[in-house]
Protein backbone atom coordinates (compact mmCIF):
# COMPACT_ATOMS: atom_id res chain seq x y z
CA MET A 1 129.81 114.47 88.69
CA THR A 2 132.53 112.34 87.14
CA LYS A 3 132.24 111.18 83.56
CA PRO A 4 131.88 107.45 84.44
CA LEU A 5 129.13 108.24 86.95
CA GLU A 6 127.34 110.46 84.46
CA GLU A 7 127.43 107.70 81.85
CA GLU A 8 126.21 105.06 84.28
CA LEU A 9 123.36 107.25 85.53
CA ALA A 10 122.30 107.84 81.94
CA ARG A 11 122.40 104.10 81.29
CA LEU A 12 120.39 103.45 84.46
CA LYS A 13 117.73 105.94 83.43
CA GLY A 14 117.64 104.33 80.00
CA LEU A 15 117.15 100.87 81.48
CA VAL A 16 114.32 102.03 83.73
CA THR A 17 112.70 103.90 80.84
CA GLY A 18 112.98 100.77 78.70
CA MET A 19 111.41 98.69 81.44
CA GLY A 20 108.61 101.23 81.62
CA GLU A 21 108.06 100.92 77.88
CA LEU A 22 107.88 97.13 78.16
CA THR A 23 105.43 97.46 81.04
CA GLY A 24 103.25 99.78 78.96
CA VAL A 25 103.25 97.37 76.02
CA GLN A 26 102.40 94.43 78.28
CA LEU A 27 99.60 96.33 79.97
CA GLN A 28 98.17 97.49 76.66
CA ALA A 29 98.21 93.91 75.36
CA ALA A 30 96.53 92.57 78.50
CA ILE A 31 93.78 95.20 78.37
CA GLY A 32 93.45 94.66 74.62
CA SER A 33 93.01 90.94 75.19
CA THR A 34 89.85 91.65 77.19
CA GLU A 35 88.31 93.25 74.10
CA GLY A 36 89.35 90.83 71.34
CA PRO A 37 87.75 87.52 70.38
CA ASP A 38 90.73 85.28 71.19
CA SER A 39 93.50 84.79 73.72
CA LYS A 40 96.52 85.45 71.49
CA LEU A 41 97.37 88.79 73.08
CA ALA A 42 97.07 87.26 76.55
CA ASP A 43 99.35 84.39 75.50
CA ASN A 44 101.93 86.90 74.26
CA VAL A 45 101.84 88.74 77.58
CA ILE A 46 102.65 85.56 79.48
CA GLN A 47 105.45 84.64 77.07
CA ARG A 48 107.10 88.08 77.44
CA GLU A 49 106.82 88.29 81.22
CA PRO A 50 110.37 86.92 81.83
CA GLU A 51 111.74 89.97 79.96
CA ALA A 52 110.74 92.18 82.89
CA ASN A 53 112.61 89.90 85.29
CA ARG A 54 115.74 90.06 83.14
CA MET A 55 115.57 93.85 82.98
CA MET A 56 115.09 94.04 86.74
CA HIS A 57 118.18 91.87 87.23
CA GLU A 58 120.22 94.15 84.96
CA ILE A 59 119.08 97.24 86.84
CA ASP A 60 119.89 95.58 90.18
CA ASN A 61 123.42 94.82 89.02
CA LEU A 62 124.00 98.34 87.72
CA VAL A 63 122.71 99.93 90.92
CA ILE A 64 125.06 97.78 92.99
CA ARG A 65 127.97 98.72 90.74
CA VAL A 66 127.22 102.45 90.93
CA LEU A 67 126.81 102.42 94.71
CA ALA A 68 129.96 100.37 95.25
CA LEU A 69 132.30 102.08 92.80
CA ARG A 70 130.99 105.66 92.40
CA GLN A 71 129.62 106.39 95.88
CA PRO A 72 127.05 108.91 94.61
CA TRP A 73 125.54 111.51 96.94
CA ALA A 74 122.87 114.25 96.95
CA ILE A 75 120.89 114.31 93.68
CA ASP A 76 123.00 111.51 92.17
CA LEU A 77 122.17 109.21 95.06
CA ARG A 78 118.47 110.09 94.75
CA GLU A 79 118.73 109.27 91.05
CA VAL A 80 120.08 105.80 91.77
CA LEU A 81 117.67 104.97 94.58
CA SER A 82 114.67 106.33 92.68
CA ALA A 83 115.55 104.30 89.60
CA LEU A 84 115.72 101.13 91.68
CA ARG A 85 112.43 101.84 93.44
CA ILE A 86 110.65 102.60 90.17
CA ALA A 87 112.01 99.42 88.59
CA ILE A 88 110.63 97.42 91.53
CA GLU A 89 107.20 99.00 91.02
CA LEU A 90 107.34 98.21 87.29
CA GLU A 91 108.25 94.59 87.95
CA ARG A 92 105.25 94.27 90.25
CA ILE A 93 103.00 95.87 87.66
CA CYS A 94 104.19 93.25 85.18
CA ASP A 95 103.27 90.54 87.70
CA HIS A 96 99.75 91.98 87.94
CA VAL A 97 99.57 92.16 84.15
CA GLU A 98 100.51 88.50 83.85
CA ASP A 99 97.73 87.66 86.32
CA LEU A 100 95.29 89.62 84.16
CA ALA A 101 96.35 87.71 81.06
CA GLN A 102 95.96 84.35 82.78
CA ARG A 103 92.46 85.21 83.93
CA VAL A 104 91.48 86.42 80.46
CA ILE A 105 92.48 83.00 79.12
CA THR A 106 90.36 81.35 81.81
CA LEU A 107 87.33 83.46 80.86
CA ARG A 108 87.83 82.81 77.16
CA ALA A 109 87.97 79.06 77.82
CA ALA A 110 84.57 79.37 79.51
CA CYS A 111 83.24 81.49 76.60
CA VAL A 112 82.79 84.50 78.86
CA GLU A 113 83.47 88.06 77.68
CA PRO A 114 84.92 90.53 80.20
CA VAL A 115 82.46 93.37 80.74
CA HIS A 116 83.05 96.84 79.31
CA SER A 117 83.36 98.49 82.74
CA LEU A 118 86.37 96.26 83.44
CA VAL A 119 87.98 97.38 80.19
CA ASN A 120 87.43 101.03 81.16
CA LEU A 121 89.03 100.40 84.52
CA GLY A 122 92.06 98.88 82.81
CA ARG A 123 92.42 101.77 80.39
CA PHE A 124 92.33 104.27 83.23
CA ALA A 125 95.10 102.43 85.12
CA MET A 126 97.13 102.08 81.93
CA LYS A 127 97.08 105.85 81.41
CA MET A 128 98.21 106.35 85.01
CA VAL A 129 101.21 104.09 84.42
CA ASN A 130 102.13 105.76 81.14
CA ASP A 131 101.79 109.24 82.59
CA ALA A 132 103.81 108.32 85.68
CA MET A 133 106.66 107.06 83.50
CA HIS A 134 106.46 110.14 81.30
CA ALA A 135 106.76 112.24 84.46
CA TYR A 136 109.89 110.24 85.34
CA THR A 137 111.58 110.71 81.98
CA GLN A 138 110.72 114.43 81.89
CA ARG A 139 111.28 115.04 85.63
CA ASP A 140 107.81 116.59 85.63
CA THR A 141 106.49 116.96 89.17
CA LEU A 142 103.21 118.52 87.98
CA GLU A 143 102.38 115.47 85.88
CA ALA A 144 103.44 113.23 88.77
CA GLN A 145 101.08 115.14 91.06
CA GLN A 146 98.24 114.67 88.58
CA VAL A 147 98.82 110.91 88.50
CA TRP A 148 98.93 110.86 92.30
CA SER A 149 95.62 112.70 92.50
CA ARG A 150 93.86 110.31 90.09
CA ASP A 151 94.33 107.34 92.42
CA ALA A 152 91.11 108.24 94.24
CA GLU A 153 89.19 108.27 90.94
CA LEU A 154 90.47 104.79 90.11
CA ASP A 155 89.44 103.61 93.58
CA ALA A 156 85.94 104.97 93.00
CA MET A 157 85.71 103.18 89.65
CA TYR A 158 86.90 99.96 91.29
CA THR A 159 84.29 100.28 94.05
CA ALA A 160 81.54 100.83 91.46
CA PHE A 161 82.69 97.77 89.52
CA PHE A 162 82.79 95.70 92.71
CA ARG A 163 79.22 96.75 93.53
CA GLU A 164 78.08 95.96 89.98
CA ARG A 165 79.56 92.47 90.00
CA LEU A 166 78.21 91.66 93.48
CA THR A 167 74.74 92.58 92.28
CA TYR A 168 75.01 90.26 89.26
CA MET A 169 76.31 87.44 91.45
CA LEU A 170 73.38 87.77 93.83
CA GLU A 171 70.90 87.85 90.94
CA ASP A 172 72.46 84.97 89.02
CA PRO A 173 74.42 82.50 91.20
CA GLY A 174 75.20 80.48 88.10
CA ARG A 175 77.66 83.17 87.02
CA ILE A 176 79.50 83.46 90.31
CA SER A 177 82.66 81.81 88.96
CA ALA A 178 83.01 84.16 85.98
CA ASN A 179 82.23 87.24 88.04
CA THR A 180 84.73 86.18 90.69
CA GLN A 181 87.42 86.01 88.02
CA MET A 182 86.53 89.54 86.93
CA LEU A 183 86.65 90.77 90.52
CA PHE A 184 90.17 89.40 90.81
CA MET A 185 91.06 91.14 87.55
CA ALA A 186 89.64 94.42 88.81
CA ARG A 187 91.65 94.07 92.01
CA ALA A 188 94.82 93.55 89.98
CA ILE A 189 94.04 96.68 87.97
CA GLU A 190 93.45 98.67 91.15
CA ARG A 191 96.84 97.52 92.43
CA ILE A 192 98.43 98.59 89.15
CA GLY A 193 97.01 102.05 89.79
CA ASP A 194 98.55 102.01 93.26
CA ARG A 195 101.93 101.15 91.72
CA ALA A 196 101.60 104.03 89.28
CA THR A 197 100.85 106.32 92.21
CA ASN A 198 103.95 105.02 93.98
CA ILE A 199 106.01 105.90 90.90
CA ALA A 200 104.52 109.38 90.92
CA GLU A 201 105.56 109.80 94.56
CA ILE A 202 109.07 108.63 93.73
CA VAL A 203 109.31 111.18 90.92
CA ARG A 204 108.28 113.94 93.29
CA TYR A 205 110.95 112.80 95.75
CA LEU A 206 113.56 112.54 93.01
CA VAL A 207 113.00 116.10 91.81
CA GLY A 208 112.13 117.77 95.10
CA GLY A 209 114.48 115.94 97.42
CA THR A 210 111.94 115.29 100.18
CA PRO A 211 109.55 112.34 100.64
CA VAL A 212 105.86 112.94 99.94
CA GLU A 213 104.20 113.39 103.32
CA GLU A 214 100.67 114.16 102.14
CA GLU A 215 98.12 111.47 102.88
CA ARG A 216 97.22 109.73 99.66
CA PRO A 217 93.58 110.28 98.62
CA LYS A 218 91.69 107.00 98.70
CA ALA A 219 88.18 106.04 97.66
CA ASP A 220 88.19 102.24 97.87
CA ALA A 221 84.98 101.40 99.73
CA THR A 222 84.85 97.71 98.79
CA LYS A 223 85.39 96.47 102.35
CA SER A 224 82.43 98.37 103.76
CA LEU A 225 80.42 97.56 100.65
CA LEU A 226 80.98 93.85 101.18
CA LEU A 227 79.90 94.12 104.81
CA SER A 228 76.75 96.09 104.00
CA THR A 229 75.83 93.63 101.26
CA ALA A 230 76.31 90.63 103.52
CA SER A 231 74.28 92.18 106.35
CA SER A 232 71.32 92.80 104.02
CA GLN A 233 70.94 89.11 103.17
């Protein structure tokens, strides 16, 4: 590895790590906003969202420069491609986080408190993201595997939440609007977990050199749950 390439790879890793830290802060603020009495944290999330776009743009430019000028190969090429793919996942997580914050503001305006089970779901996904990024910085395939395996547990929690909210909506049609907002929030959190799992797969590819071919464990039964609920009416 040449010195300029080594320096640029280190910078690239630093940028992706920094973007991961921003994502973690944003996610923590969004989940925190579901527990507090006001919407200030949610407002801050929305205001900071453009930072993720700027960081993504900087990473894009650096990747193009490295590929064009340094022509990396083998592990160096995996380093570049993995950094780009992880940054894309982080940007999408930030989009989901912004959606969460906007929906929190909507609930607060209607004087509705997000339920505790939604907060628990968010905390679980947040840990998945943080652990996936720690696995990236440490090149820890065991931790990445653990994140990957927890995706099914998050799916099961999401399915349970979906069932819970459907039951409340059937029992109290007057709260359909608020519960629908929370279902959208739960879906965003479930997608955040999927993104964390994607990052874990990328880390395993980065370190091991081969794509993950195992079928990802899934436990999202919301589609069949919706059908069974509808057929019982």
